[in-house]
């Protein structure tokens, strides 16, 4: 285990730096949730930085959400556009809305959908 010297005014103390894996953080987050303690109290008692705990809790929640979406079978469907020269095209996916205006709106939306299908940018 590594140690790091942290200066606090004129007093210095050693703080252990512990490397944890996602599985360990998942167990820690579950232990906090079932403990009935606040995050602050739980982290203090277990020597965990609040910021690390919060960062990992968010990472794990985001990963779980992505997994649920992947398992739900939600897929993109081809939707024919009625007017290839549409003045404005609006697309909404998972609460995010994109509105594109102008003569290239249709082509831009088709490109975005193609990239999303191929996984580019993930």
Protein backbone atom coordinates (compact mmCIF):
# COMPACT_ATOMS: atom_id res chain seq x y z
CA UNK A 1 0.00 0.00 0.00
CA UNK A 2 1.27 3.46 -0.84
CA UNK A 3 1.39 6.29 1.67
CA UNK A 4 1.24 9.96 0.93
CA UNK A 5 2.33 12.78 3.21
CA UNK A 6 -0.30 15.50 3.44
CA UNK A 7 0.58 18.84 5.02
CA UNK A 8 -2.13 20.50 7.07
CA UNK A 9 -0.68 23.78 8.29
CA UNK A 10 2.37 23.02 10.40
CA UNK A 11 1.15 19.48 11.12
CA UNK A 12 1.76 16.68 8.65
CA UNK A 13 0.09 13.31 8.74
CA UNK A 14 0.28 10.20 6.64
CA UNK A 15 -2.74 9.21 4.63
CA UNK A 16 -3.03 5.81 3.02
CA UNK A 17 -3.74 5.79 -0.69
CA UNK A 18 -5.84 2.74 -1.49
CA UNK A 19 -6.50 1.61 -5.05
CA UNK A 20 -9.93 0.02 -5.41
CA UNK A 21 -11.59 -1.67 -8.36
CA UNK A 22 -15.13 -1.10 -9.58
CA UNK A 23 -16.36 -4.29 -7.87
CA UNK A 24 -14.96 -3.08 -4.55
CA UNK A 25 -16.58 0.32 -4.99
CA UNK A 26 -19.90 -1.37 -5.78
CA UNK A 27 -19.72 -3.27 -2.47
CA UNK A 28 -18.74 -0.08 -0.61
CA UNK A 29 -21.64 1.89 -2.13
CA UNK A 30 -24.08 -0.89 -1.24
CA UNK A 31 -22.71 -1.04 2.32
CA UNK A 32 -23.25 2.71 2.71
CA UNK A 33 -26.76 2.50 1.29
CA UNK A 34 -27.78 -0.25 3.71
CA UNK A 35 -25.92 1.23 6.70
CA UNK A 36 -28.42 3.99 7.34
CA UNK A 37 -25.52 6.44 7.69
CA UNK A 38 -25.06 9.60 5.70
CA UNK A 39 -22.35 9.47 3.05
CA UNK A 40 -20.25 11.86 5.11
CA UNK A 41 -20.48 9.74 8.29
CA UNK A 42 -19.90 6.46 6.42
CA UNK A 43 -16.85 7.81 4.58
CA UNK A 44 -15.38 9.29 7.75
CA UNK A 45 -15.82 6.00 9.61
CA UNK A 46 -14.22 3.99 6.78
CA UNK A 47 -11.46 6.47 5.89
CA UNK A 48 -12.83 7.16 2.42
CA UNK A 49 -12.73 10.58 0.76
CA UNK A 50 -16.27 11.87 0.17
CA UNK A 51 -15.25 13.01 -3.32
CA UNK A 52 -13.98 9.53 -4.28
CA UNK A 53 -17.12 7.89 -2.94
CA UNK A 54 -19.38 10.32 -4.83
CA UNK A 55 -17.40 9.99 -8.07
CA UNK A 56 -17.58 6.18 -7.96
CA UNK A 57 -21.25 6.15 -6.97
CA UNK A 58 -22.02 8.26 -10.06
CA UNK A 59 -19.82 6.09 -12.31
CA UNK A 60 -21.53 2.93 -11.11
CA UNK A 61 -25.01 4.44 -11.48
CA UNK A 62 -24.22 5.60 -15.03
CA UNK A 63 -22.86 2.15 -15.95
CA UNK A 64 -25.95 0.46 -14.50
CA UNK A 65 -28.23 2.77 -16.49
CA UNK A 66 -26.31 2.09 -19.71
CA UNK A 67 -26.57 -1.65 -19.03
CA UNK A 68 -30.34 -1.43 -18.47
CA UNK A 69 -30.77 0.47 -21.74
CA UNK A 70 -28.62 -2.07 -23.61
CA UNK A 71 -30.62 -4.98 -22.15
CA UNK A 72 -33.98 -3.33 -22.82
CA UNK A 73 -33.72 -3.96 -26.53
CA UNK A 74 -34.23 -0.30 -27.43
CA UNK A 75 -32.99 0.13 -30.98
CA UNK A 76 -33.09 2.88 -33.56
CA UNK A 77 -35.61 2.51 -36.33
CA UNK A 78 -35.36 3.85 -39.84
CA UNK A 79 -37.94 6.56 -40.30
CA UNK A 80 -38.47 7.85 -43.79
CA UNK A 81 -38.51 11.62 -43.96
CA UNK A 82 -41.50 12.99 -45.86
CA UNK A 83 -39.72 16.00 -47.25
CA UNK A 84 -36.04 15.66 -48.23
CA UNK A 85 -35.78 19.45 -48.37
CA UNK A 86 -37.23 20.01 -44.91
CA UNK A 87 -36.69 23.44 -43.45
CA UNK A 88 -36.16 22.06 -39.93
CA UNK A 89 -35.72 18.58 -38.48
CA UNK A 90 -36.02 17.77 -34.79
CA UNK A 91 -34.85 14.55 -33.14
CA UNK A 92 -35.31 13.57 -29.48
CA UNK A 93 -33.38 10.68 -27.90
CA UNK A 94 -33.46 9.92 -24.16
CA UNK A 95 -34.55 13.43 -23.26
CA UNK A 96 -31.97 15.16 -25.48
CA UNK A 97 -33.49 17.21 -28.28
CA UNK A 98 -31.59 18.31 -31.39
CA UNK A 99 -33.17 20.75 -33.84
CA UNK A 100 -31.45 21.40 -37.16
CA UNK A 101 -32.57 24.07 -39.62
CA UNK A 102 -31.64 24.80 -43.19
CA UNK A 103 -31.37 22.98 -46.49
CA UNK A 104 -28.88 20.42 -45.14
CA UNK A 105 -30.98 19.48 -42.08
CA UNK A 106 -32.11 16.13 -43.48
CA UNK A 107 -28.62 15.07 -44.53
CA UNK A 108 -27.16 16.10 -41.16
CA UNK A 109 -29.76 14.12 -39.20
CA UNK A 110 -29.20 11.07 -41.43
CA UNK A 111 -25.44 11.32 -40.74
CA UNK A 112 -26.01 11.63 -36.98
CA UNK A 113 -28.30 8.59 -36.93
CA UNK A 114 -25.79 6.56 -38.98
CA UNK A 115 -22.98 7.43 -36.57
CA UNK A 116 -25.12 6.59 -33.56
CA UNK A 117 -25.93 3.19 -35.09
CA UNK A 118 -22.27 2.47 -35.76
CA UNK A 119 -21.26 3.46 -32.23
CA UNK A 120 -18.94 6.30 -33.28
CA UNK A 121 -18.24 8.63 -30.34
CA UNK A 122 -19.00 6.10 -27.60
